[in-house]
Amino acid sequence: MAKPEPPSPETGKTEPGTEAEHLRSKLEALKAELGEVIATDTAGKKATGSGNDSAMGVGMRAGSELTAGVLVGCGVGYVLDRQFDTSPIFLIVFLMVGFAAGFWNIYRMGVTKTPTGGGK
């Protein structure tokens, strides 16, 4: 039985550079397609306003800002009333200050349109 000849180095080769050029062109086409997909995805997120600020998260934050302002105002007013032995004078005054602070924080949160409220 005759042994098959080993393949010569020239067997199975195409013209030099054509396979590499073909792969490069495919890579460039994939890069371009990926760039388009990323651009449309980013534009879609900006248009819908999606990101880290979900509607429920913003609502919960607004509620907690108002609640915190009122509670801190009541606490300060209560402590001052106990300290100076006055009835509900400081409690009422600081309750209004707490409401004002809570609504001011909600206003700032709406104006800046960021989930953390920082920066304009």
Protein backbone atom coordinates (compact mmCIF):
# COMPACT_ATOMS: atom_id res chain seq x y z
CA MET A 1 0.00 0.00 0.00
CA ALA A 2 1.30 3.37 -0.96
CA LYS A 3 1.66 6.12 1.56
CA PRO A 4 -0.13 9.37 0.80
CA GLU A 5 2.14 12.28 0.14
CA PRO A 6 2.31 14.93 2.84
CA PRO A 7 0.73 18.19 1.79
CA SER A 8 3.15 20.66 0.38
CA PRO A 9 3.38 24.11 1.94
CA GLU A 10 1.74 25.56 -1.17
CA THR A 11 -1.33 23.29 -0.99
CA GLY A 12 -4.52 24.96 0.32
CA LYS A 13 -3.10 28.44 0.20
CA THR A 14 -4.88 31.17 -1.60
CA GLU A 15 -3.28 34.27 -2.89
CA PRO A 16 -1.32 36.01 -0.17
CA GLY A 17 -3.34 38.61 1.72
CA THR A 18 -6.82 37.84 0.37
CA GLU A 19 -8.00 35.93 3.43
CA ALA A 20 -6.59 38.57 5.77
CA GLU A 21 -8.19 41.33 3.72
CA HIS A 22 -11.51 39.48 3.76
CA LEU A 23 -11.37 39.12 7.56
CA ARG A 24 -10.42 42.78 7.96
CA SER A 25 -13.37 43.89 5.84
CA LYS A 26 -15.72 41.71 7.90
CA LEU A 27 -14.28 43.17 11.11
CA GLU A 28 -14.76 46.72 9.86
CA ALA A 29 -18.35 45.95 8.86
CA LEU A 30 -19.06 44.51 12.33
CA LYS A 31 -17.49 47.56 14.00
CA ALA A 32 -19.64 49.89 11.93
CA GLU A 33 -22.80 47.90 12.69
CA LEU A 34 -21.98 47.80 16.39
CA GLY A 35 -21.39 51.55 16.42
CA GLU A 36 -24.81 52.12 14.85
CA VAL A 37 -26.52 49.87 17.39
CA ILE A 38 -24.82 51.60 20.31
CA ALA A 39 -25.73 55.03 18.92
CA THR A 40 -29.41 54.15 18.50
CA ASP A 41 -29.53 52.54 21.95
CA THR A 42 -28.00 55.62 23.57
CA ALA A 43 -30.32 57.95 21.68
CA GLY A 44 -33.32 55.84 22.73
CA LYS A 45 -32.35 56.03 26.38
CA LYS A 46 -31.93 59.81 26.21
CA ALA A 47 -35.26 60.26 24.43
CA THR A 48 -37.24 58.17 26.91
CA GLY A 49 -35.38 59.57 29.90
CA SER A 50 -34.61 56.09 31.13
CA GLY A 51 -31.56 55.63 33.20
CA ASN A 52 -31.23 55.47 36.94
CA ASP A 53 -34.28 57.59 37.67
CA SER A 54 -37.38 55.44 37.58
CA ALA A 55 -40.73 57.10 38.26
CA MET A 56 -41.25 55.09 41.41
CA GLY A 57 -37.80 55.97 42.71
CA VAL A 58 -38.36 59.68 42.14
CA GLY A 59 -41.76 59.50 43.86
CA MET A 60 -40.34 57.65 46.83
CA ARG A 61 -37.56 60.19 47.15
CA ALA A 62 -40.01 63.09 47.00
CA GLY A 63 -42.09 61.53 49.75
CA SER A 64 -39.09 60.86 51.93
CA GLU A 65 -37.79 64.42 51.46
CA LEU A 66 -41.09 65.88 52.64
CA THR A 67 -41.41 63.41 55.52
CA ALA A 68 -37.84 64.04 56.68
CA GLY A 69 -38.33 67.80 56.64
CA VAL A 70 -41.52 67.58 58.70
CA LEU A 71 -40.05 65.11 61.20
CA VAL A 72 -36.89 67.14 61.74
CA GLY A 73 -38.94 70.33 62.12
CA CYS A 74 -41.24 68.66 64.67
CA GLY A 75 -38.29 67.24 66.56
CA VAL A 76 -36.50 70.58 66.80
CA GLY A 77 -39.71 72.35 67.80
CA TYR A 78 -40.52 69.75 70.46
CA VAL A 79 -37.03 69.92 71.98
CA LEU A 80 -37.11 73.73 72.07
CA ASP A 81 -40.58 73.72 73.65
CA ARG A 82 -39.35 71.35 76.35
CA GLN A 83 -36.17 73.38 76.87
CA PHE A 84 -37.91 76.76 77.24
CA ASP A 85 -41.10 75.38 78.84
CA THR A 86 -43.35 76.83 76.16
CA SER A 87 -46.40 75.03 74.87
CA PRO A 88 -46.67 74.37 71.13
CA ILE A 89 -45.14 77.63 69.87
CA PHE A 90 -41.79 76.29 68.66
CA LEU A 91 -43.41 73.04 67.53
CA ILE A 92 -45.80 74.93 65.23
CA VAL A 93 -43.10 77.30 63.94
CA PHE A 94 -40.60 74.53 63.18
CA LEU A 95 -43.32 72.30 61.72
CA MET A 96 -43.92 75.05 59.13
CA VAL A 97 -40.17 75.40 58.59
CA GLY A 98 -39.96 71.61 58.09
CA PHE A 99 -42.76 71.71 55.50
CA ALA A 100 -41.01 74.57 53.71
CA ALA A 101 -37.69 72.71 53.72
CA GLY A 102 -39.35 69.52 52.43
CA PHE A 103 -41.11 71.32 49.59
CA TRP A 104 -37.93 73.25 48.77
CA ASN A 105 -36.02 69.96 48.44
CA ILE A 106 -38.74 68.56 46.17
CA TYR A 107 -38.61 71.71 44.06
CA ARG A 108 -34.82 71.45 43.74
CA MET A 109 -35.16 67.78 42.82
CA GLY A 110 -37.60 68.68 40.02
CA VAL A 111 -35.52 71.56 38.69
CA THR A 112 -32.24 69.64 38.51
CA LYS A 113 -33.86 66.47 37.07
CA THR A 114 -31.22 64.22 38.57
CA PRO A 115 -31.88 61.34 40.94
CA THR A 116 -29.41 62.66 43.50
CA GLY A 117 -30.45 66.29 43.17
CA GLY A 118 -26.88 67.47 42.63
CA GLY A 119 -25.74 69.90 39.98
CA LYS A 120 -27.75 71.72 37.34
